[in-house]
Amino acid sequence: MFHRLVVLLLLAIATVSASAPVGAAPSSARVDPQALVVVETKFYSDATYTVQVGYKLLDQCSGDVYVEGTQTVYKIQKRTACDPY
């Protein structure tokens, strides 16, 4: 009787261990800071961020840079990782 209980217990532990993910990345994993990115910056006239007065696109993937309008201290940046080629 005791032997069967031990075997069932070990079998249950093995089943639970086998179903657990191994090496799963945490959900808050970040992109490598050294990786190439596309940086899109929108510049605004003042702290209300309602009137856009400039734009800058820095594409580290292709090396392209596009700038138009006025650059101010009121800006919002969006960074996107490069798609693998």
N, C-alpha and C. Protein backbone atom coordinates (compact mmCIF):
# COMPACT_ATOMS: atom_id res chain seq x y z
N MET A 1 0.83 -1.19 0.00
CA MET A 1 0.00 0.00 0.00
C MET A 1 0.87 1.26 0.00
N PHE A 2 1.85 1.31 0.89
CA PHE A 2 2.74 2.47 0.97
C PHE A 2 3.53 2.61 -0.33
N HIS A 3 3.95 1.49 -0.91
CA HIS A 3 4.73 1.51 -2.15
C HIS A 3 3.90 2.14 -3.28
N ARG A 4 2.62 1.79 -3.39
CA ARG A 4 1.74 2.34 -4.42
C ARG A 4 1.56 3.85 -4.24
N LEU A 5 1.44 4.29 -3.01
CA LEU A 5 1.27 5.70 -2.71
C LEU A 5 2.50 6.50 -3.14
N VAL A 6 3.68 5.96 -2.86
CA VAL A 6 4.93 6.62 -3.25
C VAL A 6 5.03 6.69 -4.77
N VAL A 7 4.69 5.61 -5.45
CA VAL A 7 4.76 5.59 -6.91
C VAL A 7 3.77 6.61 -7.50
N LEU A 8 2.56 6.67 -6.98
CA LEU A 8 1.58 7.64 -7.46
C LEU A 8 2.04 9.07 -7.21
N LEU A 9 2.63 9.31 -6.06
CA LEU A 9 3.14 10.63 -5.73
C LEU A 9 4.27 11.04 -6.69
N LEU A 10 5.19 10.15 -6.95
CA LEU A 10 6.29 10.44 -7.88
C LEU A 10 5.77 10.66 -9.30
N LEU A 11 4.78 9.87 -9.68
CA LEU A 11 4.19 10.03 -11.00
C LEU A 11 3.51 11.40 -11.13
N ALA A 12 2.81 11.82 -10.08
CA ALA A 12 2.15 13.13 -10.09
C ALA A 12 3.18 14.26 -10.17
N ILE A 13 4.27 14.14 -9.44
CA ILE A 13 5.32 15.17 -9.47
C ILE A 13 5.95 15.23 -10.85
N ALA A 14 6.21 14.08 -11.45
CA ALA A 14 6.82 14.04 -12.78
C ALA A 14 5.89 14.66 -13.82
N THR A 15 4.60 14.42 -13.70
CA THR A 15 3.63 14.98 -14.65
C THR A 15 3.58 16.49 -14.54
N VAL A 16 3.55 17.02 -13.33
CA VAL A 16 3.51 18.47 -13.13
C VAL A 16 4.79 19.11 -13.62
N SER A 17 5.94 18.48 -13.35
CA SER A 17 7.22 19.04 -13.78
C SER A 17 7.34 19.06 -15.29
N ALA A 18 6.82 18.04 -15.94
CA ALA A 18 6.93 17.96 -17.40
C ALA A 18 6.05 18.99 -18.08
N SER A 19 4.96 19.39 -17.44
CA SER A 19 4.06 20.35 -18.08
C SER A 19 4.46 21.80 -17.86
N ALA A 20 5.40 22.05 -16.95
CA ALA A 20 5.85 23.42 -16.69
C ALA A 20 6.75 23.89 -17.83
N PRO A 21 6.61 25.14 -18.28
CA PRO A 21 7.47 25.65 -19.36
C PRO A 21 8.91 25.76 -18.90
N VAL A 22 9.81 25.34 -19.76
CA VAL A 22 11.23 25.39 -19.44
C VAL A 22 11.86 26.52 -20.23
N GLY A 23 12.55 27.42 -19.54
CA GLY A 23 13.26 28.51 -20.21
C GLY A 23 12.34 29.53 -20.84
N ALA A 24 11.15 29.67 -20.36
CA ALA A 24 10.24 30.66 -20.92
C ALA A 24 10.73 32.06 -20.59
N ALA A 25 10.68 32.93 -21.57
CA ALA A 25 11.13 34.31 -21.37
C ALA A 25 10.08 35.07 -20.57
N PRO A 26 10.51 35.94 -19.67
CA PRO A 26 9.54 36.73 -18.92
C PRO A 26 8.78 37.66 -19.84
N SER A 27 7.54 37.98 -19.48
CA SER A 27 6.71 38.82 -20.35
C SER A 27 7.27 40.23 -20.47
N SER A 28 8.13 40.64 -19.55
CA SER A 28 8.69 41.98 -19.61
C SER A 28 10.06 42.00 -20.28
N ALA A 29 10.35 40.98 -21.12
CA ALA A 29 11.64 40.93 -21.80
C ALA A 29 11.81 42.15 -22.69
N ARG A 30 12.99 42.72 -22.71
CA ARG A 30 13.25 43.92 -23.49
C ARG A 30 14.11 43.58 -24.70
N VAL A 31 14.00 44.43 -25.70
CA VAL A 31 14.83 44.30 -26.90
C VAL A 31 16.25 44.71 -26.53
N ASP A 32 17.22 44.05 -27.13
CA ASP A 32 18.63 44.34 -26.89
C ASP A 32 18.89 45.83 -27.16
N PRO A 33 19.45 46.57 -26.18
CA PRO A 33 19.69 48.00 -26.39
C PRO A 33 20.70 48.29 -27.49
N GLN A 34 21.50 47.31 -27.87
CA GLN A 34 22.48 47.48 -28.94
C GLN A 34 21.87 47.19 -30.32
N ALA A 35 20.63 46.70 -30.36
CA ALA A 35 19.99 46.35 -31.62
C ALA A 35 19.66 47.61 -32.43
N LEU A 36 19.60 47.47 -33.74
CA LEU A 36 19.26 48.58 -34.62
C LEU A 36 17.76 48.86 -34.51
N VAL A 37 17.40 50.14 -34.58
CA VAL A 37 16.00 50.55 -34.44
C VAL A 37 15.64 51.62 -35.45
N VAL A 38 14.35 51.86 -35.58
CA VAL A 38 13.83 53.00 -36.32
C VAL A 38 13.27 53.96 -35.27
N VAL A 39 13.76 55.20 -35.27
CA VAL A 39 13.32 56.20 -34.30
C VAL A 39 12.51 57.25 -35.04
N GLU A 40 11.23 57.37 -34.68
CA GLU A 40 10.34 58.37 -35.26
C GLU A 40 10.07 59.43 -34.20
N THR A 41 10.39 60.68 -34.51
CA THR A 41 10.22 61.78 -33.56
C THR A 41 9.28 62.81 -34.14
N LYS A 42 8.24 63.17 -33.36
CA LYS A 42 7.32 64.23 -33.75
C LYS A 42 7.56 65.40 -32.81
N PHE A 43 7.73 66.60 -33.38
CA PHE A 43 7.99 67.81 -32.61
C PHE A 43 6.72 68.67 -32.57
N TYR A 44 6.47 69.27 -31.39
CA TYR A 44 5.26 70.05 -31.19
C TYR A 44 5.62 71.48 -30.79
N SER A 45 4.67 72.41 -30.99
CA SER A 45 4.92 73.83 -30.76
C SER A 45 5.06 74.19 -29.29
N ASP A 46 4.33 73.47 -28.42
CA ASP A 46 4.38 73.79 -26.99
C ASP A 46 4.01 72.55 -26.17
N ALA A 47 3.89 72.75 -24.86
CA ALA A 47 3.67 71.64 -23.93
C ALA A 47 2.27 71.03 -24.02
N THR A 48 1.39 71.60 -24.82
CA THR A 48 0.07 70.99 -24.99
C THR A 48 0.10 69.83 -25.97
N TYR A 49 1.15 69.75 -26.78
CA TYR A 49 1.34 68.69 -27.77
C TYR A 49 0.14 68.56 -28.71
N THR A 50 -0.38 69.70 -29.14
CA THR A 50 -1.53 69.68 -30.05
C THR A 50 -1.17 70.08 -31.47
N VAL A 51 -0.15 70.92 -31.64
CA VAL A 51 0.24 71.39 -32.97
C VAL A 51 1.62 70.83 -33.31
N GLN A 52 1.65 69.92 -34.27
CA GLN A 52 2.92 69.34 -34.69
C GLN A 52 3.62 70.30 -35.64
N VAL A 53 4.91 70.60 -35.36
CA VAL A 53 5.65 71.56 -36.19
C VAL A 53 6.86 70.93 -36.88
N GLY A 54 7.16 69.68 -36.55
CA GLY A 54 8.31 69.04 -37.16
C GLY A 54 8.26 67.53 -37.04
N TYR A 55 9.14 66.89 -37.82
CA TYR A 55 9.16 65.43 -37.87
C TYR A 55 10.58 64.98 -38.20
N LYS A 56 11.02 63.88 -37.59
CA LYS A 56 12.33 63.32 -37.90
C LYS A 56 12.22 61.80 -37.86
N LEU A 57 12.78 61.16 -38.88
CA LEU A 57 12.82 59.71 -38.95
C LEU A 57 14.27 59.29 -39.08
N LEU A 58 14.76 58.53 -38.13
CA LEU A 58 16.11 57.99 -38.16
C LEU A 58 15.99 56.48 -38.29
N ASP A 59 16.31 55.96 -39.46
CA ASP A 59 16.20 54.53 -39.74
C ASP A 59 17.59 53.91 -39.71
N GLN A 60 17.95 53.33 -38.56
CA GLN A 60 19.26 52.71 -38.42
C GLN A 60 19.37 51.43 -39.26
N CYS A 61 18.25 50.86 -39.64
CA CYS A 61 18.25 49.63 -40.45
C CYS A 61 18.80 49.90 -41.84
N SER A 62 18.33 50.98 -42.46
CA SER A 62 18.75 51.31 -43.82
C SER A 62 19.74 52.46 -43.87
N GLY A 63 19.85 53.21 -42.77
CA GLY A 63 20.75 54.35 -42.74
C GLY A 63 20.08 55.65 -43.19
N ASP A 64 18.79 55.60 -43.48
CA ASP A 64 18.07 56.78 -43.95
C ASP A 64 17.74 57.73 -42.80
N VAL A 65 17.79 59.03 -43.11
CA VAL A 65 17.39 60.08 -42.17
C VAL A 65 16.50 61.04 -42.94
N TYR A 66 15.34 61.35 -42.36
CA TYR A 66 14.41 62.28 -42.98
C TYR A 66 14.01 63.30 -41.93
N VAL A 67 14.14 64.60 -42.28
CA VAL A 67 13.81 65.68 -41.34
C VAL A 67 12.99 66.72 -42.08
N GLU A 68 11.93 67.19 -41.41
CA GLU A 68 11.16 68.32 -41.97
C GLU A 68 10.62 69.17 -40.84
N GLY A 69 10.42 70.45 -41.11
CA GLY A 69 9.85 71.35 -40.13
C GLY A 69 10.86 71.79 -39.09
N THR A 70 10.34 72.13 -37.90
CA THR A 70 11.13 72.68 -36.81
C THR A 70 11.29 71.65 -35.70
N GLN A 71 12.50 71.59 -35.16
CA GLN A 71 12.74 70.71 -34.02
C GLN A 71 12.66 71.52 -32.74
N THR A 72 11.84 71.06 -31.79
CA THR A 72 11.67 71.76 -30.52
C THR A 72 11.93 70.78 -29.37
N VAL A 73 11.88 71.31 -28.16
CA VAL A 73 12.06 70.46 -26.98
C VAL A 73 10.81 69.63 -26.68
N TYR A 74 9.69 70.00 -27.29
CA TYR A 74 8.43 69.28 -27.07
C TYR A 74 8.33 68.18 -28.13
N LYS A 75 8.71 66.99 -27.74
CA LYS A 75 8.77 65.91 -28.72
C LYS A 75 8.26 64.60 -28.12
N ILE A 76 7.80 63.74 -29.03
CA ILE A 76 7.40 62.38 -28.67
C ILE A 76 8.14 61.45 -29.60
N GLN A 77 8.83 60.47 -29.01
CA GLN A 77 9.60 59.52 -29.81
C GLN A 77 8.99 58.13 -29.73
N LYS A 78 9.08 57.45 -30.86
CA LYS A 78 8.63 56.05 -30.95
C LYS A 78 9.79 55.25 -31.51
N ARG A 79 10.18 54.20 -30.81
CA ARG A 79 11.27 53.33 -31.26
C ARG A 79 10.71 51.97 -31.65
N THR A 80 11.13 51.49 -32.82
CA THR A 80 10.69 50.20 -33.31
C THR A 80 11.90 49.40 -33.73
N ALA A 81 11.95 48.14 -33.33
CA ALA A 81 13.06 47.28 -33.71
C ALA A 81 13.03 47.03 -35.20
N CYS A 82 14.20 46.89 -35.81
CA CYS A 82 14.29 46.59 -37.23
C CYS A 82 13.75 45.18 -37.49
N ASP A 83 13.06 45.04 -38.62
CA ASP A 83 12.62 43.71 -39.02
C ASP A 83 13.83 42.94 -39.54
N PRO A 84 13.93 41.66 -39.21
CA PRO A 84 15.06 40.89 -39.74
C PRO A 84 14.94 40.75 -41.25
N TYR A 85 16.08 40.88 -41.93
CA TYR A 85 16.08 40.79 -43.39
C TYR A 85 16.41 39.39 -43.81
